[in-house]
C-alpha atoms as a PDB file:
ATOM      1  CA  UNK A   1     116.495  69.878 174.240  1.00  0.00           C
ATOM      2  CA  UNK A   2     119.162  67.948 176.467  1.00  0.00           C
ATOM      3  CA  UNK A   3     122.697  69.480 176.327  1.00  0.00           C
ATOM      4  CA  UNK A   4     123.838  66.003 175.576  1.00  0.00           C
ATOM      5  CA  UNK A   5     122.272  65.624 172.247  1.00  0.00           C
ATOM      6  CA  UNK A   6     123.917  69.032 171.336  1.00  0.00           C
ATOM      7  CA  UNK A   7     127.864  68.095 172.418  1.00  0.00           C
ATOM      8  CA  UNK A   8     128.797  66.497 169.135  1.00  0.00           C
ATOM      9  CA  UNK A   9     127.704  68.946 166.601  1.00  0.00           C
ATOM     10  CA  UNK A  10     128.773  72.418 167.293  1.00  0.00           C
ATOM     11  CA  UNK A  11     130.283  73.945 163.968  1.00  0.00           C
ATOM     12  CA  UNK A  12     128.690  71.108 161.808  1.00  0.00           C
ATOM     13  CA  UNK A  13     125.270  72.233 161.129  1.00  0.00           C
ATOM     14  CA  UNK A  14     125.911  74.155 157.738  1.00  0.00           C
ATOM     15  CA  UNK A  15     128.638  71.994 156.620  1.00  0.00           C
ATOM     16  CA  UNK A  16     127.487  68.368 157.778  1.00  0.00           C
ATOM     17  CA  UNK A  17     127.586  66.904 154.203  1.00  0.00           C
ATOM     18  CA  UNK A  18     130.841  68.581 153.232  1.00  0.00           C
ATOM     19  CA  UNK A  19     133.173  65.631 153.784  1.00  0.00           C
ATOM     20  CA  UNK A  20     130.670  62.725 152.873  1.00  0.00           C
ATOM     21  CA  UNK A  21     131.648  60.846 149.502  1.00  0.00           C
ATOM     22  CA  UNK A  22     128.042  60.195 148.645  1.00  0.00           C
ATOM     23  CA  UNK A  23     126.938  62.581 146.083  1.00  0.00           C
ATOM     24  CA  UNK A  24     123.725  64.798 146.359  1.00  0.00           C
ATOM     25  CA  UNK A  25     121.380  66.076 143.838  1.00  0.00           C
ATOM     26  CA  UNK A  26     121.066  69.782 143.356  1.00  0.00           C
ATOM     27  CA  UNK A  27     118.668  71.211 145.829  1.00  0.00           C
ATOM     28  CA  UNK A  28     119.890  74.927 146.063  1.00  0.00           C
ATOM     29  CA  UNK A  29     116.483  76.475 144.932  1.00  0.00           C
ATOM     30  CA  UNK A  30     116.062  80.294 145.227  1.00  0.00           C
ATOM     31  CA  UNK A  31     118.654  82.318 146.619  1.00  0.00           C
ATOM     32  CA  UNK A  32     117.091  83.045 149.893  1.00  0.00           C
ATOM     33  CA  UNK A  33     114.931  79.950 150.146  1.00  0.00           C
ATOM     34  CA  UNK A  34     111.938  81.489 151.676  1.00  0.00           C
ATOM     35  CA  UNK A  35     113.963  83.414 154.223  1.00  0.00           C
ATOM     36  CA  UNK A  36     112.746  87.026 154.789  1.00  0.00           C
ATOM     37  CA  UNK A  37     115.819  89.128 155.137  1.00  0.00           C
ATOM     38  CA  UNK A  38     113.635  91.689 156.983  1.00  0.00           C
ATOM     39  CA  UNK A  39     112.873  89.449 159.741  1.00  0.00           C
ATOM     40  CA  UNK A  40     116.333  88.254 159.956  1.00  0.00           C
ATOM     41  CA  UNK A  41     117.598  91.631 160.366  1.00  0.00           C
ATOM     42  CA  UNK A  42     114.924  92.495 162.953  1.00  0.00           C
ATOM     43  CA  UNK A  43     115.685  89.430 165.021  1.00  0.00           C
ATOM     44  CA  UNK A  44     119.416  90.238 164.961  1.00  0.00           C
ATOM     45  CA  UNK A  45     118.818  93.605 166.291  1.00  0.00           C
ATOM     46  CA  UNK A  46     116.454  92.058 169.131  1.00  0.00           C
ATOM     47  CA  UNK A  47     113.484  94.110 167.550  1.00  0.00           C
ATOM     48  CA  UNK A  48     111.414  91.241 165.687  1.00  0.00           C
ATOM     49  CA  UNK A  49     107.706  90.974 167.061  1.00  0.00           C
ATOM     50  CA  UNK A  50     106.981  87.472 168.883  1.00  0.00           C
ATOM     51  CA  UNK A  51     104.327  86.824 166.206  1.00  0.00           C
ATOM     52  CA  UNK A  52     107.105  87.264 163.344  1.00  0.00           C
ATOM     53  CA  UNK A  53     109.429  85.280 165.417  1.00  0.00           C
ATOM     54  CA  UNK A  54     107.321  82.398 164.990  1.00  0.00           C
ATOM     55  CA  UNK A  55     107.088  82.790 161.234  1.00  0.00           C
ATOM     56  CA  UNK A  56     110.953  83.459 161.189  1.00  0.00           C
ATOM     57  CA  UNK A  57     111.541  79.877 163.231  1.00  0.00           C
ATOM     58  CA  UNK A  58     109.253  78.160 160.402  1.00  0.00           C
ATOM     59  CA  UNK A  59     111.466  79.572 157.676  1.00  0.00           C
ATOM     60  CA  UNK A  60     114.616  78.831 159.452  1.00  0.00           C
ATOM     61  CA  UNK A  61     113.439  75.207 160.180  1.00  0.00           C
ATOM     62  CA  UNK A  62     112.545  74.772 156.317  1.00  0.00           C
ATOM     63  CA  UNK A  63     116.110  75.930 155.313  1.00  0.00           C
ATOM     64  CA  UNK A  64     118.412  74.515 158.018  1.00  0.00           C
ATOM     65  CA  UNK A  65     118.346  70.754 156.832  1.00  0.00           C
ATOM     66  CA  UNK A  66     119.893  72.243 153.532  1.00  0.00           C
ATOM     67  CA  UNK A  67     122.539  74.649 155.053  1.00  0.00           C
ATOM     68  CA  UNK A  68     125.257  73.045 153.517  1.00  0.00           C
ATOM     69  CA  UNK A  69     123.889  73.661 149.808  1.00  0.00           C
ATOM     70  CA  UNK A  70     122.069  76.873 149.987  1.00  0.00           C
ATOM     71  CA  UNK A  71     122.746  79.945 147.898  1.00  0.00           C
ATOM     72  CA  UNK A  72     125.402  82.079 149.826  1.00  0.00           C
ATOM     73  CA  UNK A  73     122.772  84.806 150.499  1.00  0.00           C
ATOM     74  CA  UNK A  74     120.484  82.294 152.289  1.00  0.00           C
ATOM     75  CA  UNK A  75     123.350  80.848 153.952  1.00  0.00           C
ATOM     76  CA  UNK A  76     124.360  84.282 155.256  1.00  0.00           C
ATOM     77  CA  UNK A  77     121.126  84.717 156.743  1.00  0.00           C
ATOM     78  CA  UNK A  78     121.538  81.546 158.588  1.00  0.00           C
ATOM     79  CA  UNK A  79     124.718  82.555 160.077  1.00  0.00           C
ATOM     80  CA  UNK A  80     123.231  85.991 161.040  1.00  0.00           C
ATOM     81  CA  UNK A  81     120.482  83.965 162.848  1.00  0.00           C
ATOM     82  CA  UNK A  82     123.051  81.673 164.601  1.00  0.00           C
ATOM     83  CA  UNK A  83     125.408  84.128 165.582  1.00  0.00           C
ATOM     84  CA  UNK A  84     122.608  86.319 167.287  1.00  0.00           C
ATOM     85  CA  UNK A  85     121.621  83.141 169.130  1.00  0.00           C
ATOM     86  CA  UNK A  86     125.543  82.322 170.246  1.00  0.00           C
ATOM     87  CA  UNK A  87     126.129  79.720 167.519  1.00  0.00           C
ATOM     88  CA  UNK A  88     124.604  76.511 166.343  1.00  0.00           C
ATOM     89  CA  UNK A  89     123.551  75.038 169.724  1.00  0.00           C
ATOM     90  CA  UNK A  90     121.910  78.213 170.707  1.00  0.00           C
ATOM     91  CA  UNK A  91     120.047  78.186 166.993  1.00  0.00           C
ATOM     92  CA  UNK A  92     118.729  74.425 167.999  1.00  0.00           C
ATOM     93  CA  UNK A  93     117.690  75.295 171.216  1.00  0.00           C
ATOM     94  CA  UNK A  94     115.547  78.531 170.021  1.00  0.00           C
ATOM     95  CA  UNK A  95     114.124  76.312 167.194  1.00  0.00           C
ATOM     96  CA  UNK A  96     113.137  73.779 169.844  1.00  0.00           C
ATOM     97  CA  UNK A  97     111.071  76.626 171.747  1.00  0.00           C
ATOM     98  CA  UNK A  98     108.951  76.945 169.162  1.00  0.00           C
ATOM     99  CA  UNK A  99     106.560  73.919 168.464  1.00  0.00           C
ATOM    100  CA  UNK A 100     105.570  72.052 165.360  1.00  0.00           C
ATOM    101  CA  UNK A 101     107.969  72.005 162.531  1.00  0.00           C
ATOM    102  CA  UNK A 102     110.919  74.356 164.248  1.00  0.00           C
ATOM    103  CA  UNK A 103     110.988  72.156 167.237  1.00  0.00           C
ATOM    104  CA  UNK A 104     111.010  68.620 165.309  1.00  0.00           C
ATOM    105  CA  UNK A 105     113.447  70.004 162.787  1.00  0.00           C
ATOM    106  CA  UNK A 106     115.830  70.875 165.709  1.00  0.00           C
ATOM    107  CA  UNK A 107     115.636  67.382 167.243  1.00  0.00           C
ATOM    108  CA  UNK A 108     116.048  65.625 163.846  1.00  0.00           C
ATOM    109  CA  UNK A 109     119.107  67.703 162.820  1.00  0.00           C
ATOM    110  CA  UNK A 110     120.616  67.157 166.245  1.00  0.00           C
ATOM    111  CA  UNK A 111     120.008  63.515 165.487  1.00  0.00           C
ATOM    112  CA  UNK A 112     121.620  63.746 162.046  1.00  0.00           C
ATOM    113  CA  UNK A 113     124.813  65.531 163.511  1.00  0.00           C
ATOM    114  CA  UNK A 114     125.091  62.566 166.057  1.00  0.00           C
ATOM    115  CA  UNK A 115     124.777  60.000 163.556  1.00  0.00           C
ATOM    116  CA  UNK A 116     127.488  61.496 161.574  1.00  0.00           C
ATOM    117  CA  UNK A 117     129.578  61.710 164.443  1.00  0.00           C
ATOM    118  CA  UNK A 118     129.119  58.384 166.012  1.00  0.00           C
ATOM    119  CA  UNK A 119     129.329  56.752 162.429  1.00  0.00           C
ATOM    120  CA  UNK A 120     132.875  57.258 162.375  1.00  0.00           C
ATOM    121  CA  UNK A 121     133.968  55.477 165.500  1.00  0.00           C
ATOM    122  CA  UNK A 122     135.039  52.101 165.215  1.00  0.00           C
ATOM    123  CA  UNK A 123     133.925  51.008 168.387  1.00  0.00           C
ATOM    124  CA  UNK A 124     130.238  51.825 167.270  1.00  0.00           C
ATOM    125  CA  UNK A 125     130.724  50.582 163.846  1.00  0.00           C
ATOM    126  CA  UNK A 126     131.490  47.275 165.206  1.00  0.00           C
ATOM    127  CA  UNK A 127     128.549  47.425 167.729  1.00  0.00           C
ATOM    128  CA  UNK A 128     126.092  47.844 164.517  1.00  0.00           C
ATOM    129  CA  UNK A 129     127.805  45.135 162.496  1.00  0.00           C
ATOM    130  CA  UNK A 130     127.215  42.571 165.220  1.00  0.00           C
ATOM    131  CA  UNK A 131     123.810  43.535 165.854  1.00  0.00           C
ATOM    132  CA  UNK A 132     122.991  43.633 162.051  1.00  0.00           C
ATOM    133  CA  UNK A 133     124.486  39.929 161.989  1.00  0.00           C
ATOM    134  CA  UNK A 134     122.173  38.880 164.968  1.00  0.00           C
ATOM    135  CA  UNK A 135     119.272  40.799 164.092  1.00  0.00           C
ATOM    136  CA  UNK A 136     117.276  42.205 160.977  1.00  0.00           C
ATOM    137  CA  UNK A 137     117.126  45.850 160.639  1.00  0.00           C
ATOM    138  CA  UNK A 138     114.048  47.925 161.281  1.00  0.00           C
ATOM    139  CA  UNK A 139     111.568  48.063 158.730  1.00  0.00           C
ATOM    140  CA  UNK A 140     112.069  51.776 158.549  1.00  0.00           C
ATOM    141  CA  UNK A 141     115.859  51.357 157.537  1.00  0.00           C
ATOM    142  CA  UNK A 142     115.398  48.497 155.113  1.00  0.00           C
ATOM    143  CA  UNK A 143     116.103  49.612 151.431  1.00  0.00           C
ATOM    144  CA  UNK A 144     118.247  52.620 152.811  1.00  0.00           C
ATOM    145  CA  UNK A 145     121.275  50.608 153.595  1.00  0.00           C
ATOM    146  CA  UNK A 146     123.510  48.556 151.568  1.00  0.00           C
ATOM    147  CA  UNK A 147     124.445  44.910 153.001  1.00  0.00           C
ATOM    148  CA  UNK A 148     127.798  45.935 154.361  1.00  0.00           C
ATOM    149  CA  UNK A 149     127.882  47.973 157.515  1.00  0.00           C
ATOM    150  CA  UNK A 150     130.858  50.536 157.718  1.00  0.00           C
ATOM    151  CA  UNK A 151     132.006  54.185 158.867  1.00  0.00           C
ATOM    152  CA  UNK A 152     129.220  55.600 156.223  1.00  0.00           C
ATOM    153  CA  UNK A 153     126.308  53.670 157.516  1.00  0.00           C
ATOM    154  CA  UNK A 154     124.904  56.086 160.117  1.00  0.00           C
ATOM    155  CA  UNK A 155     125.766  58.821 157.775  1.00  0.00           C
ATOM    156  CA  UNK A 156     123.705  57.325 154.749  1.00  0.00           C
ATOM    157  CA  UNK A 157     120.853  57.161 157.181  1.00  0.00           C
ATOM    158  CA  UNK A 158     121.244  60.693 158.039  1.00  0.00           C
ATOM    159  CA  UNK A 159     121.443  61.655 154.199  1.00  0.00           C
ATOM    160  CA  UNK A 160     118.221  59.925 153.800  1.00  0.00           C
ATOM    161  CA  UNK A 161     116.412  61.891 156.758  1.00  0.00           C
ATOM    162  CA  UNK A 162     117.724  65.057 155.226  1.00  0.00           C
ATOM    163  CA  UNK A 163     116.424  64.179 152.039  1.00  0.00           C
ATOM    164  CA  UNK A 164     113.040  63.477 153.463  1.00  0.00           C
ATOM    165  CA  UNK A 165     113.118  66.916 155.186  1.00  0.00           C
ATOM    166  CA  UNK A 166     113.849  68.622 152.007  1.00  0.00           C
ATOM    167  CA  UNK A 167     110.824  66.685 150.300  1.00  0.00           C
ATOM    168  CA  UNK A 168     108.639  68.178 153.350  1.00  0.00           C
ATOM    169  CA  UNK A 169     107.916  64.357 154.294  1.00  0.00           C
ATOM    170  CA  UNK A 170     108.242  65.348 157.930  1.00  0.00           C
ATOM    171  CA  UNK A 171     106.469  62.587 159.300  1.00  0.00           C
ATOM    172  CA  UNK A 172     108.531  59.694 157.521  1.00  0.00           C
ATOM    173  CA  UNK A 173     111.529  61.631 158.468  1.00  0.00           C
ATOM    174  CA  UNK A 174     110.491  61.474 162.073  1.00  0.00           C
ATOM    175  CA  UNK A 175     109.898  57.793 161.552  1.00  0.00           C
ATOM    176  CA  UNK A 176     113.231  57.059 159.969  1.00  0.00           C
ATOM    177  CA  UNK A 177     114.816  59.096 162.720  1.00  0.00           C
ATOM    178  CA  UNK A 178     113.265  57.023 165.523  1.00  0.00           C
ATOM    179  CA  UNK A 179     114.106  53.520 163.914  1.00  0.00           C
ATOM    180  CA  UNK A 180     117.677  54.548 163.551  1.00  0.00           C
ATOM    181  CA  UNK A 181     118.119  56.077 167.183  1.00  0.00           C
ATOM    182  CA  UNK A 182     116.221  52.780 168.438  1.00  0.00           C
ATOM    183  CA  UNK A 183     118.820  50.646 166.380  1.00  0.00           C
ATOM    184  CA  UNK A 184     121.924  52.295 167.352  1.00  0.00           C
ATOM    185  CA  UNK A 185     120.765  52.546 171.114  1.00  0.00           C
ATOM    186  CA  UNK A 186     120.027  48.884 170.961  1.00  0.00           C
ATOM    187  CA  UNK A 187     123.128  48.061 169.147  1.00  0.00           C
ATOM    188  CA  UNK A 188     125.297  49.977 171.821  1.00  0.00           C
ATOM    189  CA  UNK A 189     123.524  48.178 174.863  1.00  0.00           C
ATOM    190  CA  UNK A 190     124.131  44.779 173.428  1.00  0.00           C
ATOM    191  CA  UNK A 191     127.923  45.427 172.289  1.00  0.00           C
ATOM    192  CA  UNK A 192     129.967  42.946 174.376  1.00  0.00           C
ATOM    193  CA  UNK A 193     132.841  45.089 175.293  1.00  0.00           C
ATOM    194  CA  UNK A 194     131.441  48.721 174.979  1.00  0.00           C
ATOM    195  CA  UNK A 195     134.096  51.561 174.416  1.00  0.00           C
ATOM    196  CA  UNK A 196     133.254  54.850 176.097  1.00  0.00           C
ATOM    197  CA  UNK A 197     131.841  56.206 172.831  1.00  0.00           C
ATOM    198  CA  UNK A 198     129.682  53.231 172.508  1.00  0.00           C
ATOM    199  CA  UNK A 199     128.265  53.768 175.889  1.00  0.00           C
ATOM    200  CA  UNK A 200     127.695  57.747 174.967  1.00  0.00           C
ATOM    201  CA  UNK A 201     126.049  56.684 171.596  1.00  0.00           C
ATOM    202  CA  UNK A 202     123.578  54.447 173.752  1.00  0.00           C
ATOM    203  CA  UNK A 203     122.990  57.431 176.213  1.00  0.00           C
ATOM    204  CA  UNK A 204     122.591  59.917 173.497  1.00  0.00           C
ATOM    205  CA  UNK A 205     120.341  57.897 171.314  1.00  0.00           C
ATOM    206  CA  UNK A 206     118.233  57.418 174.225  1.00  0.00           C
ATOM    207  CA  UNK A 207     117.746  61.214 174.617  1.00  0.00           C
ATOM    208  CA  UNK A 208     117.135  61.792 171.182  1.00  0.00           C
ATOM    209  CA  UNK A 209     114.609  58.819 170.640  1.00  0.00           C
ATOM    210  CA  UNK A 210     112.363  60.366 173.747  1.00  0.00           C
ATOM    211  CA  UNK A 211     113.052  64.063 172.453  1.00  0.00           C
ATOM    212  CA  UNK A 212     111.836  63.263 168.946  1.00  0.00           C
ATOM    213  CA  UNK A 213     108.735  61.071 170.125  1.00  0.00           C
ATOM    214  CA  UNK A 214     108.012  64.038 172.217  1.00  0.00           C
ATOM    215  CA  UNK A 215     108.514  67.022 169.452  1.00  0.00           C
ATOM    216  CA  UNK A 216     105.010  66.060 167.802  1.00  0.00           C
ATOM    217  CA  UNK A 217     104.290  65.736 164.163  1.00  0.00           C
ATOM    218  CA  UNK A 218     103.509  68.667 161.734  1.00  0.00           C
ATOM    219  CA  UNK A 219     100.785  67.820 159.355  1.00  0.00           C
ATOM    220  CA  UNK A 220     102.419  66.431 156.015  1.00  0.00           C
ATOM    221  CA  UNK A 221     103.006  62.954 154.743  1.00  0.00           C
END
């Protein structure tokens, strides 16, 4: 995964919905949400067998999109894995080395974090607003967004992708993510007077679009 796609999300993965005003339905599930504590502890000690590390990556990938709403024990285990890998960018890089769901999840989570960040920039919001006035939304984004474009617009898309991941609708999550990256990239490139943040958004979305496209799709709806 390209470092540029990780530069905006450090410290945000397990708390990315904490500041949003949009309510979420309860999705806390069981205390560990499928995370195997034995594997986590062995991994933190550097003693987990490669085959079981593959399994742990699958478990972490399933839990990571819900990090903000997990039960305390599951969140503690995610932090243990993250700390062993040197923090949240290292966690995503580790997932990215495991093909299938872990790699796709890492790249979608990176996209969600960047959507949250760029969505708060006034220049980016204005670029999206201008684009939306000139061109229709991509089909994948219709029905997700309200008519008005504001600082919550990209966060709403990230929330929707997160919901799809929770429902294990991985392919649909990837389709929405690709549409969002393409929309923001196009809006940023077409901006009349792009700010540095708008130019960066175009570059980051270009990287993420390629990375998500190359991740491959796990089986599922």
